[in-house]
mmCIF file of all heavy atoms, coordinates in Angstrom:
data_MODEL
# 
_entry.id   MODEL 
# 
loop_
_atom_site.group_PDB 
_atom_site.id 
_atom_site.type_symbol 
_atom_site.label_atom_id 
_atom_site.label_alt_id 
_atom_site.label_comp_id 
_atom_site.label_asym_id 
_atom_site.label_entity_id 
_atom_site.label_seq_id 
_atom_site.pdbx_PDB_ins_code 
_atom_site.Cartn_x 
_atom_site.Cartn_y 
_atom_site.Cartn_z 
_atom_site.occupancy 
_atom_site.B_iso_or_equiv 
_atom_site.pdbx_formal_charge 
_atom_site.auth_seq_id 
_atom_site.auth_comp_id 
_atom_site.auth_asym_id 
_atom_site.auth_atom_id 
_atom_site.pdbx_PDB_model_num 
ATOM 1   N N   . VAL A 1 1  ? 14.210 2.297   18.075 1.00 0.00 ? 1  VAL A N   1 
ATOM 2   C CA  . VAL A 1 1  ? 13.936 0.867   18.118 1.00 0.00 ? 1  VAL A CA  1 
ATOM 3   C C   . VAL A 1 1  ? 14.289 0.299   19.489 1.00 0.00 ? 1  VAL A C   1 
ATOM 4   O O   . VAL A 1 1  ? 15.272 0.689   20.102 1.00 0.00 ? 1  VAL A O   1 
ATOM 5   C CB  . VAL A 1 1  ? 14.692 0.093   17.015 1.00 0.00 ? 1  VAL A CB  1 
ATOM 6   C CG1 . VAL A 1 1  ? 14.109 0.421   15.658 1.00 0.00 ? 1  VAL A CG1 1 
ATOM 7   C CG2 . VAL A 1 1  ? 16.180 0.392   17.037 1.00 0.00 ? 1  VAL A CG2 1 
ATOM 8   N N   . GLY A 1 2  ? 13.445 -0.611  19.949 1.00 0.00 ? 2  GLY A N   1 
ATOM 9   C CA  . GLY A 1 2  ? 13.626 -1.232  21.254 1.00 0.00 ? 2  GLY A CA  1 
ATOM 10  C C   . GLY A 1 2  ? 12.470 -2.177  21.508 1.00 0.00 ? 2  GLY A C   1 
ATOM 11  O O   . GLY A 1 2  ? 11.656 -2.449  20.622 1.00 0.00 ? 2  GLY A O   1 
ATOM 12  N N   . PHE A 1 3  ? 12.355 -2.641  22.744 1.00 0.00 ? 3  PHE A N   1 
ATOM 13  C CA  . PHE A 1 3  ? 11.424 -3.727  23.033 1.00 0.00 ? 3  PHE A CA  1 
ATOM 14  C C   . PHE A 1 3  ? 10.421 -3.414  24.135 1.00 0.00 ? 3  PHE A C   1 
ATOM 15  O O   . PHE A 1 3  ? 9.849  -4.329  24.724 1.00 0.00 ? 3  PHE A O   1 
ATOM 16  C CB  . PHE A 1 3  ? 12.222 -4.987  23.376 1.00 0.00 ? 3  PHE A CB  1 
ATOM 17  C CG  . PHE A 1 3  ? 13.089 -5.440  22.237 1.00 0.00 ? 3  PHE A CG  1 
ATOM 18  C CD1 . PHE A 1 3  ? 14.474 -5.360  22.335 1.00 0.00 ? 3  PHE A CD1 1 
ATOM 19  C CD2 . PHE A 1 3  ? 12.534 -5.911  21.067 1.00 0.00 ? 3  PHE A CD2 1 
ATOM 20  C CE1 . PHE A 1 3  ? 15.275 -5.763  21.280 1.00 0.00 ? 3  PHE A CE1 1 
ATOM 21  C CE2 . PHE A 1 3  ? 13.328 -6.304  19.998 1.00 0.00 ? 3  PHE A CE2 1 
ATOM 22  C CZ  . PHE A 1 3  ? 14.704 -6.239  20.108 1.00 0.00 ? 3  PHE A CZ  1 
ATOM 23  N N   . ALA A 1 4  ? 10.182 -2.145  24.379 1.00 0.00 ? 4  ALA A N   1 
ATOM 24  C CA  . ALA A 1 4  ? 9.144  -1.784  25.343 1.00 0.00 ? 4  ALA A CA  1 
ATOM 25  C C   . ALA A 1 4  ? 8.664  -0.368  25.039 1.00 0.00 ? 4  ALA A C   1 
ATOM 26  O O   . ALA A 1 4  ? 9.462  0.486   24.647 1.00 0.00 ? 4  ALA A O   1 
ATOM 27  C CB  . ALA A 1 4  ? 9.666  -1.868  26.776 1.00 0.00 ? 4  ALA A CB  1 
ATOM 28  N N   . PRO A 1 5  ? 7.334  -0.160  25.219 1.00 0.00 ? 5  PRO A N   1 
ATOM 29  C CA  . PRO A 1 5  ? 6.331  -1.132  25.646 1.00 0.00 ? 5  PRO A CA  1 
ATOM 30  C C   . PRO A 1 5  ? 6.089  -2.186  24.557 1.00 0.00 ? 5  PRO A C   1 
ATOM 31  O O   . PRO A 1 5  ? 6.328  -1.928  23.379 1.00 0.00 ? 5  PRO A O   1 
ATOM 32  C CB  . PRO A 1 5  ? 5.090  -0.284  25.885 1.00 0.00 ? 5  PRO A CB  1 
ATOM 33  C CG  . PRO A 1 5  ? 5.265  0.894   24.957 1.00 0.00 ? 5  PRO A CG  1 
ATOM 34  C CD  . PRO A 1 5  ? 6.739  1.169   24.948 1.00 0.00 ? 5  PRO A CD  1 
ATOM 35  N N   . ALA A 1 6  ? 5.603  -3.366  25.003 1.00 0.00 ? 6  ALA A N   1 
ATOM 36  C CA  . ALA A 1 6  ? 5.433  -4.468  24.059 1.00 0.00 ? 6  ALA A CA  1 
ATOM 37  C C   . ALA A 1 6  ? 4.157  -5.227  24.361 1.00 0.00 ? 6  ALA A C   1 
ATOM 38  O O   . ALA A 1 6  ? 4.094  -5.982  25.333 1.00 0.00 ? 6  ALA A O   1 
ATOM 39  C CB  . ALA A 1 6  ? 6.635  -5.407  24.153 1.00 0.00 ? 6  ALA A CB  1 
ATOM 40  N N   . ALA A 1 7  ? 3.143  -5.022  23.536 1.00 0.00 ? 7  ALA A N   1 
ATOM 41  C CA  . ALA A 1 7  ? 1.932  -5.844  23.653 1.00 0.00 ? 7  ALA A CA  1 
ATOM 42  C C   . ALA A 1 7  ? 2.290  -7.279  23.320 1.00 0.00 ? 7  ALA A C   1 
ATOM 43  O O   . ALA A 1 7  ? 3.153  -7.539  22.471 1.00 0.00 ? 7  ALA A O   1 
ATOM 44  C CB  . ALA A 1 7  ? 0.855  -5.328  22.708 1.00 0.00 ? 7  ALA A CB  1 
ATOM 45  N N   . PRO A 1 8  ? 1.674  -8.253  23.962 1.00 0.00 ? 8  PRO A N   1 
ATOM 46  C CA  . PRO A 1 8  ? 2.028  -9.664  23.721 1.00 0.00 ? 8  PRO A CA  1 
ATOM 47  C C   . PRO A 1 8  ? 1.975  -10.089 22.264 1.00 0.00 ? 8  PRO A C   1 
ATOM 48  O O   . PRO A 1 8  ? 2.756  -10.944 21.837 1.00 0.00 ? 8  PRO A O   1 
ATOM 49  C CB  . PRO A 1 8  ? 1.000  -10.420 24.567 1.00 0.00 ? 8  PRO A CB  1 
ATOM 50  C CG  . PRO A 1 8  ? 0.644  -9.468  25.665 1.00 0.00 ? 8  PRO A CG  1 
ATOM 51  C CD  . PRO A 1 8  ? 0.677  -8.105  25.042 1.00 0.00 ? 8  PRO A CD  1 
ATOM 52  N N   . ASN A 1 9  ? 1.078  -9.484  21.492 1.00 0.00 ? 9  ASN A N   1 
ATOM 53  C CA  . ASN A 1 9  ? 0.980  -9.880  20.082 1.00 0.00 ? 9  ASN A CA  1 
ATOM 54  C C   . ASN A 1 9  ? 1.909  -9.080  19.174 1.00 0.00 ? 9  ASN A C   1 
ATOM 55  O O   . ASN A 1 9  ? 1.825  -9.188  17.949 1.00 0.00 ? 9  ASN A O   1 
ATOM 56  C CB  . ASN A 1 9  ? -0.460 -9.735  19.593 1.00 0.00 ? 9  ASN A CB  1 
ATOM 57  C CG  . ASN A 1 9  ? -0.933 -8.288  19.596 1.00 0.00 ? 9  ASN A CG  1 
ATOM 58  O OD1 . ASN A 1 9  ? -0.291 -7.411  20.182 1.00 0.00 ? 9  ASN A OD1 1 
ATOM 59  N ND2 . ASN A 1 9  ? -2.059 -8.033  18.934 1.00 0.00 ? 9  ASN A ND2 1 
ATOM 60  N N   . ARG A 1 10 ? 2.798  -8.267  19.762 1.00 0.00 ? 10 ARG A N   1 
ATOM 61  C CA  . ARG A 1 10 ? 3.697  -7.435  18.972 1.00 0.00 ? 10 ARG A CA  1 
ATOM 62  C C   . ARG A 1 10 ? 5.163  -7.852  19.113 1.00 0.00 ? 10 ARG A C   1 
ATOM 63  O O   . ARG A 1 10 ? 6.049  -7.176  18.588 1.00 0.00 ? 10 ARG A O   1 
ATOM 64  C CB  . ARG A 1 10 ? 3.540  -5.954  19.380 1.00 0.00 ? 10 ARG A CB  1 
ATOM 65  C CG  . ARG A 1 10 ? 2.357  -5.257  18.741 1.00 0.00 ? 10 ARG A CG  1 
ATOM 66  C CD  . ARG A 1 10 ? 2.466  -5.282  17.221 1.00 0.00 ? 10 ARG A CD  1 
ATOM 67  N NE  . ARG A 1 10 ? 1.741  -4.213  16.594 1.00 0.00 ? 10 ARG A NE  1 
ATOM 68  C CZ  . ARG A 1 10 ? 1.758  -3.949  15.284 1.00 0.00 ? 10 ARG A CZ  1 
ATOM 69  N NH1 . ARG A 1 10 ? 2.480  -4.698  14.502 1.00 0.00 ? 10 ARG A NH1 1 
ATOM 70  N NH2 . ARG A 1 10 ? 1.072  -2.964  14.777 1.00 0.00 ? 10 ARG A NH2 1 
ATOM 71  N N   . HIS A 1 11 ? 5.440  -8.933  19.806 1.00 0.00 ? 11 HIS A N   1 
ATOM 72  C CA  . HIS A 1 11 ? 6.830  -9.336  20.008 1.00 0.00 ? 11 HIS A CA  1 
ATOM 73  C C   . HIS A 1 11 ? 7.548  -9.587  18.690 1.00 0.00 ? 11 HIS A C   1 
ATOM 74  O O   . HIS A 1 11 ? 8.658  -9.083  18.458 1.00 0.00 ? 11 HIS A O   1 
ATOM 75  C CB  . HIS A 1 11 ? 6.890  -10.591 20.885 1.00 0.00 ? 11 HIS A CB  1 
ATOM 76  C CG  . HIS A 1 11 ? 6.424  -10.378 22.285 1.00 0.00 ? 11 HIS A CG  1 
ATOM 77  N ND1 . HIS A 1 11 ? 6.329  -11.403 23.201 1.00 0.00 ? 11 HIS A ND1 1 
ATOM 78  C CD2 . HIS A 1 11 ? 6.028  -9.257  22.943 1.00 0.00 ? 11 HIS A CD2 1 
ATOM 79  C CE1 . HIS A 1 11 ? 5.893  -10.916 24.359 1.00 0.00 ? 11 HIS A CE1 1 
ATOM 80  N NE2 . HIS A 1 11 ? 5.685  -9.626  24.209 1.00 0.00 ? 11 HIS A NE2 1 
ATOM 81  N N   . GLU A 1 12 ? 6.939  -10.348 17.817 1.00 0.00 ? 12 GLU A N   1 
ATOM 82  C CA  . GLU A 1 12 ? 7.568  -10.676 16.540 1.00 0.00 ? 12 GLU A CA  1 
ATOM 83  C C   . GLU A 1 12 ? 7.773  -9.427  15.691 1.00 0.00 ? 12 GLU A C   1 
ATOM 84  O O   . GLU A 1 12 ? 8.808  -9.272  15.021 1.00 0.00 ? 12 GLU A O   1 
ATOM 85  C CB  . GLU A 1 12 ? 6.711  -11.693 15.792 1.00 0.00 ? 12 GLU A CB  1 
ATOM 86  C CG  . GLU A 1 12 ? 7.344  -12.202 14.506 1.00 0.00 ? 12 GLU A CG  1 
ATOM 87  C CD  . GLU A 1 12 ? 6.527  -13.290 13.830 1.00 0.00 ? 12 GLU A CD  1 
ATOM 88  O OE1 . GLU A 1 12 ? 5.620  -13.857 14.486 1.00 0.00 ? 12 GLU A OE1 1 
ATOM 89  O OE2 . GLU A 1 12 ? 6.790  -13.578 12.651 1.00 0.00 ? 12 GLU A OE2 1 
ATOM 90  N N   . TRP A 1 13 ? 6.811  -8.515  15.732 1.00 0.00 ? 13 TRP A N   1 
ATOM 91  C CA  . TRP A 1 13 ? 6.930  -7.267  14.964 1.00 0.00 ? 13 TRP A CA  1 
ATOM 92  C C   . TRP A 1 13 ? 8.112  -6.440  15.465 1.00 0.00 ? 13 TRP A C   1 
ATOM 93  O O   . TRP A 1 13 ? 8.890  -5.897  14.658 1.00 0.00 ? 13 TRP A O   1 
ATOM 94  C CB  . TRP A 1 13 ? 5.628  -6.476  15.097 1.00 0.00 ? 13 TRP A CB  1 
ATOM 95  C CG  . TRP A 1 13 ? 5.558  -5.253  14.231 1.00 0.00 ? 13 TRP A CG  1 
ATOM 96  C CD1 . TRP A 1 13 ? 5.072  -5.171  12.954 1.00 0.00 ? 13 TRP A CD1 1 
ATOM 97  C CD2 . TRP A 1 13 ? 5.971  -3.922  14.584 1.00 0.00 ? 13 TRP A CD2 1 
ATOM 98  N NE1 . TRP A 1 13 ? 5.160  -3.878  12.489 1.00 0.00 ? 13 TRP A NE1 1 
ATOM 99  C CE2 . TRP A 1 13 ? 5.713  -3.088  13.463 1.00 0.00 ? 13 TRP A CE2 1 
ATOM 100 C CE3 . TRP A 1 13 ? 6.540  -3.357  15.724 1.00 0.00 ? 13 TRP A CE3 1 
ATOM 101 C CZ2 . TRP A 1 13 ? 6.003  -1.731  13.470 1.00 0.00 ? 13 TRP A CZ2 1 
ATOM 102 C CZ3 . TRP A 1 13 ? 6.843  -2.000  15.725 1.00 0.00 ? 13 TRP A CZ3 1 
ATOM 103 C CH2 . TRP A 1 13 ? 6.569  -1.194  14.607 1.00 0.00 ? 13 TRP A CH2 1 
ATOM 104 N N   . LEU A 1 14 ? 8.279  -6.340  16.780 1.00 0.00 ? 14 LEU A N   1 
ATOM 105 C CA  . LEU A 1 14 ? 9.380  -5.560  17.346 1.00 0.00 ? 14 LEU A CA  1 
ATOM 106 C C   . LEU A 1 14 ? 10.723 -6.194  17.022 1.00 0.00 ? 14 LEU A C   1 
ATOM 107 O O   . LEU A 1 14 ? 11.704 -5.487  16.746 1.00 0.00 ? 14 LEU A O   1 
ATOM 108 C CB  . LEU A 1 14 ? 9.204  -5.422  18.857 1.00 0.00 ? 14 LEU A CB  1 
ATOM 109 C CG  . LEU A 1 14 ? 8.046  -4.536  19.314 1.00 0.00 ? 14 LEU A CG  1 
ATOM 110 C CD1 . LEU A 1 14 ? 7.833  -4.662  20.816 1.00 0.00 ? 14 LEU A CD1 1 
ATOM 111 C CD2 . LEU A 1 14 ? 8.297  -3.067  18.940 1.00 0.00 ? 14 LEU A CD2 1 
ATOM 112 N N   . ILE A 1 15 ? 10.775 -7.513  17.031 1.00 0.00 ? 15 ILE A N   1 
ATOM 113 C CA  . ILE A 1 15 ? 12.014 -8.196  16.647 1.00 0.00 ? 15 ILE A CA  1 
ATOM 114 C C   . ILE A 1 15 ? 12.332 -7.922  15.186 1.00 0.00 ? 15 ILE A C   1 
ATOM 115 O O   . ILE A 1 15 ? 13.484 -7.641  14.822 1.00 0.00 ? 15 ILE A O   1 
ATOM 116 C CB  . ILE A 1 15 ? 11.894 -9.711  16.916 1.00 0.00 ? 15 ILE A CB  1 
ATOM 117 C CG1 . ILE A 1 15 ? 11.950 -9.985  18.424 1.00 0.00 ? 15 ILE A CG1 1 
ATOM 118 C CG2 . ILE A 1 15 ? 13.001 -10.487 16.198 1.00 0.00 ? 15 ILE A CG2 1 
ATOM 119 C CD1 . ILE A 1 15 ? 11.686 -11.433 18.799 1.00 0.00 ? 15 ILE A CD1 1 
ATOM 120 N N   . GLY A 1 16 ? 11.330 -7.975  14.317 1.00 0.00 ? 16 GLY A N   1 
ATOM 121 C CA  . GLY A 1 16 ? 11.545 -7.692  12.904 1.00 0.00 ? 16 GLY A CA  1 
ATOM 122 C C   . GLY A 1 16 ? 12.009 -6.269  12.663 1.00 0.00 ? 16 GLY A C   1 
ATOM 123 O O   . GLY A 1 16 ? 12.822 -6.015  11.760 1.00 0.00 ? 16 GLY A O   1 
ATOM 124 N N   . LEU A 1 17 ? 11.498 -5.338  13.461 1.00 0.00 ? 17 LEU A N   1 
ATOM 125 C CA  . LEU A 1 17 ? 11.925 -3.946  13.338 1.00 0.00 ? 17 LEU A CA  1 
ATOM 126 C C   . LEU A 1 17 ? 13.404 -3.819  13.714 1.00 0.00 ? 17 LEU A C   1 
ATOM 127 O O   . LEU A 1 17 ? 14.188 -3.194  12.992 1.00 0.00 ? 17 LEU A O   1 
ATOM 128 C CB  . LEU A 1 17 ? 11.067 -3.056  14.236 1.00 0.00 ? 17 LEU A CB  1 
ATOM 129 C CG  . LEU A 1 17 ? 11.255 -1.548  14.087 1.00 0.00 ? 17 LEU A CG  1 
ATOM 130 C CD1 . LEU A 1 17 ? 10.845 -1.079  12.698 1.00 0.00 ? 17 LEU A CD1 1 
ATOM 131 C CD2 . LEU A 1 17 ? 10.457 -0.797  15.158 1.00 0.00 ? 17 LEU A CD2 1 
ATOM 132 N N   . MET A 1 18 ? 13.806 -4.412  14.839 1.00 0.00 ? 18 MET A N   1 
ATOM 133 C CA  . MET A 1 18 ? 15.196 -4.342  15.275 1.00 0.00 ? 18 MET A CA  1 
ATOM 134 C C   . MET A 1 18 ? 16.119 -5.066  14.298 1.00 0.00 ? 18 MET A C   1 
ATOM 135 O O   . MET A 1 18 ? 17.202 -4.566  13.966 1.00 0.00 ? 18 MET A O   1 
ATOM 136 C CB  . MET A 1 18 ? 15.342 -4.942  16.680 1.00 0.00 ? 18 MET A CB  1 
ATOM 137 C CG  . MET A 1 18 ? 16.758 -4.890  17.237 1.00 0.00 ? 18 MET A CG  1 
ATOM 138 S SD  . MET A 1 18 ? 17.351 -3.213  17.606 1.00 0.00 ? 18 MET A SD  1 
ATOM 139 C CE  . MET A 1 18 ? 16.545 -2.927  19.191 1.00 0.00 ? 18 MET A CE  1 
ATOM 140 N N   . GLU A 1 19 ? 15.698 -6.223  13.815 1.00 0.00 ? 19 GLU A N   1 
ATOM 141 C CA  . GLU A 1 19 ? 16.531 -6.975  12.880 1.00 0.00 ? 19 GLU A CA  1 
ATOM 142 C C   . GLU A 1 19 ? 16.747 -6.183  11.592 1.00 0.00 ? 19 GLU A C   1 
ATOM 143 O O   . GLU A 1 19 ? 17.863 -6.130  11.058 1.00 0.00 ? 19 GLU A O   1 
ATOM 144 C CB  . GLU A 1 19 ? 15.898 -8.322  12.566 1.00 0.00 ? 19 GLU A CB  1 
ATOM 145 C CG  . GLU A 1 19 ? 16.747 -9.183  11.621 1.00 0.00 ? 19 GLU A CG  1 
ATOM 146 C CD  . GLU A 1 19 ? 16.173 -10.565 11.388 1.00 0.00 ? 19 GLU A CD  1 
ATOM 147 O OE1 . GLU A 1 19 ? 14.989 -10.790 11.737 1.00 0.00 ? 19 GLU A OE1 1 
ATOM 148 O OE2 . GLU A 1 19 ? 16.902 -11.422 10.856 1.00 0.00 ? 19 GLU A OE2 1 
ATOM 149 N N   . GLY A 1 20 ? 15.701 -5.548  11.093 1.00 0.00 ? 20 GLY A N   1 
ATOM 150 C CA  . GLY A 1 20 ? 15.826 -4.804  9.854  1.00 0.00 ? 20 GLY A CA  1 
ATOM 151 C C   . GLY A 1 20 ? 16.661 -3.555  9.994  1.00 0.00 ? 20 GLY A C   1 
ATOM 152 O O   . GLY A 1 20 ? 17.498 -3.244  9.145  1.00 0.00 ? 20 GLY A O   1 
ATOM 153 N N   . VAL A 1 21 ? 16.466 -2.814  11.079 1.00 0.00 ? 21 VAL A N   1 
ATOM 154 C CA  . VAL A 1 21 ? 17.160 -1.540  11.270 1.00 0.00 ? 21 VAL A CA  1 
ATOM 155 C C   . VAL A 1 21 ? 18.601 -1.763  11.704 1.00 0.00 ? 21 VAL A C   1 
ATOM 156 O O   . VAL A 1 21 ? 19.525 -1.109  11.213 1.00 0.00 ? 21 VAL A O   1 
ATOM 157 C CB  . VAL A 1 21 ? 16.423 -0.667  12.304 1.00 0.00 ? 21 VAL A CB  1 
ATOM 158 C CG1 . VAL A 1 21 ? 17.231 0.580   12.651 1.00 0.00 ? 21 VAL A CG1 1 
ATOM 159 C CG2 . VAL A 1 21 ? 15.044 -0.282  11.776 1.00 0.00 ? 21 VAL A CG2 1 
ATOM 160 N N   . GLU A 1 22 ? 18.811 -2.676  12.637 1.00 0.00 ? 22 GLU A N   1 
ATOM 161 C CA  . GLU A 1 22 ? 20.117 -2.786  13.289 1.00 0.00 ? 22 GLU A CA  1 
ATOM 162 C C   . GLU A 1 22 ? 20.862 -4.085  12.991 1.00 0.00 ? 22 GLU A C   1 
ATOM 163 O O   . GLU A 1 22 ? 21.912 -4.344  13.589 1.00 0.00 ? 22 GLU A O   1 
ATOM 164 C CB  . GLU A 1 22 ? 19.954 -2.620  14.806 1.00 0.00 ? 22 GLU A CB  1 
ATOM 165 C CG  . GLU A 1 22 ? 19.315 -1.302  15.220 1.00 0.00 ? 22 GLU A CG  1 
ATOM 166 C CD  . GLU A 1 22 ? 20.114 -0.073  14.774 1.00 0.00 ? 22 GLU A CD  1 
ATOM 167 O OE1 . GLU A 1 22 ? 21.312 -0.221  14.470 1.00 0.00 ? 22 GLU A OE1 1 
ATOM 168 O OE2 . GLU A 1 22 ? 19.533 1.027   14.725 1.00 0.00 ? 22 GLU A OE2 1 
ATOM 169 N N   . ASP A 1 23 ? 20.334 -4.913  12.097 1.00 0.00 ? 23 ASP A N   1 
ATOM 170 C CA  . ASP A 1 23 ? 21.033 -6.131  11.676 1.00 0.00 ? 23 ASP A CA  1 
ATOM 171 C C   . ASP A 1 23 ? 21.441 -6.994  12.876 1.00 0.00 ? 23 ASP A C   1 
ATOM 172 O O   . ASP A 1 23 ? 22.572 -7.458  12.978 1.00 0.00 ? 23 ASP A O   1 
ATOM 173 C CB  . ASP A 1 23 ? 22.259 -5.776  10.830 1.00 0.00 ? 23 ASP A CB  1 
ATOM 174 C CG  . ASP A 1 23 ? 22.962 -7.002  10.242 1.00 0.00 ? 23 ASP A CG  1 
ATOM 175 O OD1 . ASP A 1 23 ? 22.270 -8.007  10.009 1.00 0.00 ? 23 ASP A OD1 1 
ATOM 176 O OD2 . ASP A 1 23 ? 24.191 -6.949  10.055 1.00 0.00 ? 23 ASP A OD2 1 
ATOM 177 N N   . ILE A 1 24 ? 20.511 -7.174  13.812 1.00 0.00 ? 24 ILE A N   1 
ATOM 178 C CA  . ILE A 1 24 ? 20.693 -8.101  14.925 1.00 0.00 ? 24 ILE A CA  1 
ATOM 179 C C   . ILE A 1 24 ? 19.851 -9.336  14.607 1.00 0.00 ? 24 ILE A C   1 
ATOM 180 O O   . ILE A 1 24 ? 18.650 -9.198  14.355 1.00 0.00 ? 24 ILE A O   1 
ATOM 181 C CB  . ILE A 1 24 ? 20.257 -7.480  16.260 1.00 0.00 ? 24 ILE A CB  1 
ATOM 182 C CG1 . ILE A 1 24 ? 21.041 -6.192  16.525 1.00 0.00 ? 24 ILE A CG1 1 
ATOM 183 C CG2 . ILE A 1 24 ? 20.449 -8.465  17.406 1.00 0.00 ? 24 ILE A CG2 1 
ATOM 184 C CD1 . ILE A 1 24 ? 20.552 -5.417  17.743 1.00 0.00 ? 24 ILE A CD1 1 
ATOM 185 N N   . PRO A 1 25 ? 20.439 -10.521 14.589 1.00 0.00 ? 25 PRO A N   1 
ATOM 186 C CA  . PRO A 1 25 ? 19.682 -11.702 14.158 1.00 0.00 ? 25 PRO A CA  1 
ATOM 187 C C   . PRO A 1 25 ? 18.377 -11.879 14.929 1.00 0.00 ? 25 PRO A C   1 
ATOM 188 O O   . PRO A 1 25 ? 18.364 -11.952 16.160 1.00 0.00 ? 25 PRO A O   1 
ATOM 189 C CB  . PRO A 1 25 ? 20.651 -12.857 14.427 1.00 0.00 ? 25 PRO A CB  1 
ATOM 190 C CG  . PRO A 1 25 ? 22.006 -12.235 14.371 1.00 0.00 ? 25 PRO A CG  1 
ATOM 191 C CD  . PRO A 1 25 ? 21.827 -10.852 14.930 1.00 0.00 ? 25 PRO A CD  1 
ATOM 192 N N   . GLY A 1 26 ? 17.268 -11.954 14.195 1.00 0.00 ? 26 GLY A N   1 
ATOM 193 C CA  . GLY A 1 26 ? 15.972 -12.122 14.840 1.00 0.00 ? 26 GLY A CA  1 
ATOM 194 C C   . GLY A 1 26 ? 15.867 -13.421 15.613 1.00 0.00 ? 26 GLY A C   1 
ATOM 195 O O   . GLY A 1 26 ? 15.213 -13.485 16.657 1.00 0.00 ? 26 GLY A O   1 
# 
């Protein structure tokens, strides 16, 4: 899990992935 590469329309999806896996507030 991480934030690159990141297509502009995938920012929210990547945040949701990190929040779900690592319990970091979205």
